[in-house]
Protein backbone atom coordinates (compact mmCIF):
# COMPACT_ATOMS: atom_id res chain seq x y z
CA MET A 1 -131.92 -42.41 69.31
CA THR A 2 -133.10 -44.69 66.51
CA SER A 3 -135.92 -43.78 64.19
CA SER A 4 -138.17 -46.48 65.69
CA ILE A 5 -137.77 -45.03 69.20
CA VAL A 6 -138.50 -41.55 67.88
CA LEU A 7 -141.53 -42.97 66.12
CA ARG A 8 -142.78 -44.63 69.31
CA HIS A 9 -142.66 -41.42 71.34
CA ARG A 10 -143.51 -38.71 68.84
CA ILE A 11 -145.04 -39.71 65.52
CA LEU A 12 -148.51 -40.76 66.68
CA ALA A 13 -149.42 -37.29 67.97
CA VAL A 14 -152.17 -36.82 65.47
CA LEU A 15 -152.74 -40.45 64.82
CA ALA A 16 -153.81 -41.74 68.20
CA VAL A 17 -154.94 -40.51 71.55
CA LEU A 18 -151.57 -41.25 73.02
CA SER A 19 -150.53 -41.75 76.58
CA LEU A 20 -150.32 -38.16 77.71
CA LEU A 21 -153.60 -37.04 76.21
CA ALA A 22 -154.10 -33.74 78.04
CA ALA A 23 -150.50 -33.52 79.20
CA LEU A 24 -149.56 -32.42 75.70
CA VAL A 25 -151.19 -29.13 76.62
CA LEU A 26 -148.58 -28.58 79.30
CA LEU A 27 -145.53 -30.62 78.33
CA PRO A 28 -143.78 -30.89 74.96
CA ALA A 29 -143.31 -33.99 72.84
CA GLN A 30 -146.36 -35.88 74.10
CA PRO A 31 -149.45 -36.21 71.86
CA ALA A 32 -153.17 -36.95 71.78
CA HIS A 33 -156.04 -36.49 69.38
CA ALA A 34 -159.66 -36.52 68.41
CA ASP A 35 -161.53 -35.57 65.23
CA VAL A 36 -158.70 -36.80 62.98
CA THR A 37 -158.64 -36.06 59.26
CA GLY A 38 -156.41 -37.65 56.65
CA GLY A 39 -157.14 -41.32 57.37
CA CYS A 40 -155.09 -41.65 60.55
CA ASP A 41 -156.61 -43.73 63.33
CA GLY A 42 -156.09 -44.39 67.02
CA SER A 43 -157.52 -44.90 70.47
CA ALA A 44 -156.51 -44.76 74.12
CA ASP A 45 -157.82 -45.91 77.47
CA PHE A 46 -156.97 -45.45 81.14
CA ASN A 47 -156.76 -48.33 83.56
CA THR A 48 -158.53 -46.32 86.31
CA ASP A 49 -161.67 -44.20 86.37
CA SER A 50 -161.87 -44.00 82.61
CA GLU A 51 -164.71 -43.12 80.28
CA GLY A 52 -162.70 -44.48 77.37
CA PRO A 53 -161.61 -46.02 75.19
CA TYR A 54 -161.11 -42.60 73.68
CA THR A 55 -161.52 -42.26 69.93
CA PRO A 56 -161.79 -39.40 67.43
CA ALA A 57 -165.42 -38.94 68.58
CA PHE A 58 -164.12 -37.02 71.60
CA ASP A 59 -163.83 -33.74 69.77
CA THR A 60 -166.26 -31.24 71.36
CA PRO A 61 -166.26 -29.24 74.61
CA GLY A 62 -169.20 -31.32 75.78
CA ASN A 63 -167.46 -34.61 74.98
CA PRO A 64 -163.77 -34.12 75.80
CA ILE A 65 -161.02 -36.54 76.66
CA ILE A 66 -161.25 -36.85 80.46
CA VAL A 67 -157.96 -37.38 82.27
CA PRO A 68 -158.22 -39.01 85.71
CA LYS A 69 -155.75 -38.10 88.46
CA ASP A 70 -155.69 -41.34 90.38
CA ASP A 71 -152.25 -42.54 91.46
CA GLY A 72 -150.89 -45.27 89.24
CA THR A 73 -153.06 -44.38 86.25
CA ILE A 74 -151.77 -45.96 83.05
CA ALA A 75 -152.77 -44.73 79.59
CA ASN A 76 -152.81 -47.49 76.99
CA TRP A 77 -152.58 -46.14 73.46
CA ALA A 78 -152.48 -47.39 69.88
CA GLY A 79 -152.45 -45.69 66.50
CA SER A 80 -151.72 -46.08 62.81
CA VAL A 81 -151.26 -44.08 59.59
CA PRO A 82 -152.73 -44.92 56.17
CA GLY A 83 -149.68 -44.34 54.00
CA GLU A 84 -145.91 -43.99 53.70
CA ASN A 85 -144.61 -42.58 56.97
CA THR A 86 -141.05 -41.61 56.08
CA ASN A 87 -139.54 -38.16 56.61
CA PHE A 88 -142.28 -37.23 59.05
CA GLY A 89 -142.77 -34.15 61.21
CA GLY A 90 -145.52 -32.49 63.17
CA ASN A 91 -146.55 -30.31 66.08
CA VAL A 92 -149.21 -29.76 68.74
CA GLU A 93 -150.78 -26.40 69.57
CA ILE A 94 -153.16 -25.12 72.24
CA ARG A 95 -155.60 -22.27 71.79
CA ILE A 96 -155.49 -19.00 73.73
CA GLY A 97 -158.25 -16.85 72.27
CA PRO A 98 -157.46 -16.23 68.58
CA PHE A 99 -153.92 -17.58 68.90
CA TRP A 100 -152.55 -21.13 68.67
CA ILE A 101 -149.40 -21.67 70.72
CA GLU A 102 -147.07 -24.57 69.91
CA VAL A 103 -146.33 -26.84 72.86
CA ALA A 104 -144.78 -29.86 71.12
CA ASP A 105 -143.06 -30.83 67.88
CA TRP A 106 -141.46 -33.97 66.48
CA GLY A 107 -139.73 -35.41 63.43
CA ASP A 108 -137.93 -33.34 60.79
CA PRO A 109 -136.09 -31.04 60.99
CA ASP A 110 -135.40 -30.81 64.73
CA HIS A 111 -135.64 -34.56 65.41
CA ASP A 112 -134.87 -37.65 63.38
CA GLY A 113 -138.10 -38.27 61.52
CA SER A 114 -136.66 -40.14 58.57
CA ASN A 115 -138.19 -43.47 59.73
CA ASP A 116 -136.33 -45.49 57.13
CA ASP A 117 -138.23 -48.66 58.14
CA ASP A 118 -141.52 -46.90 57.31
CA GLU A 119 -143.25 -47.98 60.52
CA ARG A 120 -146.94 -47.07 60.21
CA SER A 121 -148.44 -48.24 63.50
CA ASP A 122 -147.50 -48.56 67.14
CA GLU A 123 -148.93 -49.03 70.62
CA GLY A 124 -147.71 -48.57 74.16
CA GLN A 125 -148.34 -47.31 77.68
CA TYR A 126 -147.70 -44.14 79.62
CA ASN A 127 -147.71 -43.84 83.40
CA MET A 128 -149.49 -40.60 84.33
CA ASP A 129 -147.46 -40.41 87.55
CA GLU A 130 -144.60 -39.18 85.37
CA LEU A 131 -146.69 -36.13 84.55
CA TRP A 132 -147.72 -35.47 88.16
CA ASP A 133 -144.05 -35.66 89.18
CA VAL A 134 -143.50 -32.60 86.98
CA ILE A 135 -146.76 -30.69 87.47
CA PRO A 136 -148.71 -30.77 90.77
CA LYS A 137 -152.18 -32.22 90.29
CA ASN A 138 -153.94 -29.26 91.88
CA LEU A 139 -152.47 -26.92 89.25
CA VAL A 140 -153.96 -28.83 86.36
CA ASN A 141 -157.71 -28.41 86.03
CA GLY A 142 -160.20 -27.29 83.44
CA ILE A 143 -160.87 -27.82 79.78
CA TYR A 144 -158.38 -27.16 76.98
CA GLU A 145 -158.73 -26.91 73.22
CA ALA A 146 -155.85 -28.18 71.09
CA GLN A 147 -154.90 -29.24 67.59
CA ALA A 148 -152.12 -31.33 66.10
CA PHE A 149 -150.61 -31.91 62.69
CA HIS A 150 -148.58 -34.77 61.22
CA SER A 151 -147.07 -34.86 57.76
CA ALA A 152 -144.92 -37.49 56.01
CA ASP A 153 -144.12 -38.59 52.47
CA GLY A 154 -147.45 -40.40 52.12
CA VAL A 155 -149.45 -39.03 55.05
CA ASP A 156 -150.99 -35.66 55.89
CA CYS A 157 -153.22 -35.70 58.99
CA GLU A 158 -154.78 -33.12 61.29
CA ALA A 159 -156.46 -33.54 64.67
CA HIS A 160 -158.65 -31.22 66.73
CA PHE A 161 -159.64 -32.16 70.28
CA PHE A 162 -160.67 -31.05 73.77
CA VAL A 163 -159.11 -32.29 76.98
CA LYS A 164 -160.64 -32.11 80.46
CA PHE A 165 -158.63 -32.62 83.64
CA GLU A 166 -160.59 -34.06 86.53
CA GLY A 167 -160.35 -32.50 89.98
CA ASN A 168 -161.77 -29.86 92.30
CA ALA A 169 -160.91 -26.48 90.81
CA LEU A 170 -161.30 -24.81 94.21
CA THR A 171 -158.13 -26.58 95.37
CA SER A 172 -156.09 -24.85 92.68
CA PRO A 173 -154.18 -21.71 93.67
CA ILE A 174 -154.84 -20.43 90.15
CA VAL A 175 -158.60 -20.41 90.83
CA ILE A 176 -158.22 -18.89 94.28
CA VAL A 177 -156.13 -16.02 92.91
CA ALA A 178 -158.58 -15.54 90.01
CA ILE A 179 -161.56 -15.33 92.38
CA ILE A 180 -159.78 -12.82 94.64
CA LEU A 181 -158.77 -10.63 91.70
CA ALA A 182 -162.30 -10.86 90.27
CA ILE A 183 -163.76 -9.58 93.56
CA LEU A 184 -161.19 -6.78 93.74
CA SER A 185 -161.91 -5.77 90.14
CA VAL A 186 -165.65 -5.59 90.91
CA LEU A 187 -164.89 -3.27 93.84
CA LEU A 188 -162.64 -1.23 91.57
CA LEU A 189 -165.43 -1.04 88.99
CA ILE A 190 -167.80 0.28 91.68
CA ARG A 191 -165.18 2.87 92.57
CA ALA A 192 -164.99 3.85 88.90
CA GLY A 193 -168.73 4.41 88.96
CA MET A 194 -168.60 6.95 91.80
CA ARG A 195 -168.84 10.63 90.89
CA ARG A 196 -165.59 12.57 91.12
CA PRO A 197 -165.56 15.89 93.00
CA GLY A 198 -165.34 18.95 90.81
CA VAL A 199 -166.23 17.10 87.61
CA SER A 200 -169.17 17.93 85.38
CA GLY A 201 -167.88 16.68 82.03
CA PHE A 202 -168.78 13.73 79.79
CA PHE A 203 -167.51 11.13 82.30
CA ALA A 204 -168.67 11.84 85.83
CA GLY A 205 -166.84 8.76 87.11
CA ARG A 206 -163.36 7.34 86.42
CA PRO A 207 -163.11 5.93 82.87
CA VAL A 208 -159.45 4.80 83.07
CA VAL A 209 -160.12 2.90 86.28
CA ALA A 210 -163.25 1.42 84.69
CA VAL A 211 -161.32 0.07 81.68
CA ILE A 212 -158.61 -1.47 83.88
CA ALA A 213 -161.14 -3.03 86.25
CA ALA A 214 -163.28 -4.39 83.40
CA LEU A 215 -160.26 -5.91 81.65
CA ILE A 216 -159.02 -7.62 84.82
CA LEU A 217 -162.53 -8.88 85.59
CA ALA A 218 -162.92 -10.30 82.08
CA ILE A 219 -159.59 -12.15 82.26
CA MET A 220 -160.40 -13.58 85.68
CA ILE A 221 -163.87 -14.71 84.53
CA ALA A 222 -162.29 -16.39 81.49
CA ILE A 223 -159.82 -18.26 83.72
CA ILE A 224 -162.55 -19.29 86.18
CA LEU A 225 -164.80 -20.57 83.38
CA GLN A 226 -161.90 -22.54 81.91
CA GLN A 227 -160.79 -23.98 85.24
CA PHE A 228 -164.36 -25.09 86.05
CA CYS A 229 -164.65 -26.72 82.59
CA VAL A 230 -167.41 -24.38 81.45
CA GLN A 231 -165.61 -22.81 78.49
CA PRO A 232 -162.06 -23.14 77.09
CA LEU A 233 -159.97 -20.06 76.43
CA ASN A 234 -161.35 -19.11 73.03
CA ASN A 235 -162.46 -15.99 71.16
CA THR A 236 -165.62 -15.71 73.24
CA THR A 237 -163.88 -15.53 76.61
CA VAL A 238 -160.59 -13.91 75.60
CA ILE A 239 -161.80 -11.27 73.10
CA ILE A 240 -165.57 -10.78 73.12
CA LEU A 241 -166.03 -10.89 76.91
CA PRO A 242 -163.37 -8.20 77.61
CA ILE A 243 -164.85 -5.92 74.94
CA ILE A 244 -168.33 -6.25 76.42
CA LEU A 245 -167.14 -5.62 79.97
CA ILE A 246 -165.04 -2.61 78.91
CA ILE A 247 -168.10 -1.08 77.25
CA VAL A 248 -170.12 -1.73 80.41
CA GLY A 249 -167.33 -0.22 82.51
CA LEU A 250 -167.22 2.94 80.40
CA ALA A 251 -171.00 3.27 80.68
CA ILE A 252 -170.71 3.00 84.46
CA ALA A 253 -167.95 5.62 84.50
CA LYS A 254 -170.09 7.92 82.37
CA ILE A 255 -173.25 7.91 84.47
CA ALA A 256 -171.55 7.32 87.85
CA PRO A 257 -174.50 5.43 89.41
CA PHE A 258 -172.77 4.58 92.70
CA GLY A 259 -172.90 8.00 94.37
CA GLY A 260 -169.92 10.15 95.27
CA ALA A 261 -169.46 13.91 95.26
CA GLU A 262 -172.27 16.18 94.10
CA PRO A 263 -171.60 17.73 90.69
CA ASP A 264 -170.14 21.23 90.80
CA VAL A 265 -172.18 24.01 89.21
CA PRO A 266 -170.29 26.78 87.38
CA ALA A 267 -170.22 30.10 89.28
CA GLU A 268 -172.11 31.97 86.55
CA ALA A 269 -174.85 29.37 86.48
CA GLN A 270 -175.07 29.35 90.25
CA GLU A 271 -175.38 33.15 90.34
CA ALA A 272 -178.13 33.06 87.73
CA VAL A 273 -180.01 30.42 89.72
CA ASP A 274 -179.63 32.42 92.95
CA LYS A 275 -180.85 35.60 91.23
CA ALA A 276 -183.84 33.81 89.71
CA VAL A 277 -184.80 32.37 93.08
CA SER A 278 -184.39 35.77 94.73
CA ASP A 279 -186.50 37.54 92.09
CA ALA A 280 -189.21 34.90 92.39
CA ALA A 281 -189.25 35.30 96.16
CA ASP A 282 -189.54 39.12 95.85
CA ARG A 283 -192.41 38.87 93.42
CA PHE A 284 -194.17 36.39 95.64
CA THR A 285 -193.70 38.68 98.68
CA ASP A 286 -194.89 41.76 96.75
CA GLY A 287 -197.95 39.85 95.61
CA LEU A 288 -198.84 38.92 99.15
CA GLY A 289 -198.38 42.53 100.30
CA GLY A 290 -200.51 43.93 97.50
CA GLY A 291 -203.34 41.54 98.23
CA SER A 292 -203.43 42.48 101.89
CA SER A 293 -203.63 46.26 101.23
CA SER A 294 -206.44 45.93 98.67
CA LYS A 295 -208.59 44.03 101.10
CA GLY A 296 -208.08 46.66 103.80
């Protein structure tokens, strides 16, 4: 593969919103961008149902790159770099909570990024049907956060962007499974909040079950929010939400508000209570008897 072909398919990852746009989140070696730093430039547009042309302004969760799923959709892209573009390399990453996971890379050292002709701009098309041949449309929904980097002898660019796949999330088996597991985890959390028989300690309910149920519920909520394009998988949904729900779950397990067995009373305490009740009843009876005799 010549350097110009490599350049056409890989180099413009950070430089332009290339043909695959959101597909870079799921498939390697296909780029996109928004919010580019380092002087790189680019744009992209779909031939069907597009809100483009997409530019670096599409860089927030509320203003993402929207990928249509119509059959025959073509992405037209173009991009350029501001300096010497020889010996280039780069990668694309997606965010899962606090972690960035690499999904694509290009140029040196794994690919030929020498680019001896120093090509600094390019344009082309990508047929989105090629993506849907690999990944079923109903599996790809939601909003994704990603970043990309490109470095060469005279260029050092970075891009940060959000990508939104169109479609009805309720048709995705991922969402259906997440909803079912969320419901089951809620039921499990209720179970964790029921008093255990024979327990009178710090946790009247089931703390271990509460932690497991809360963690599963948090993960399912994070997936549902992402699939319905409410919130990408970031620190809020992947870290903070589970911590909050685990704390709530432990509180439920502690107070056991959902009923269950009555708390057991230690034998000594029960005997003391019985004796106190018996003594009070005797005194009350004696008092009644004494009052009757005095009046007679």
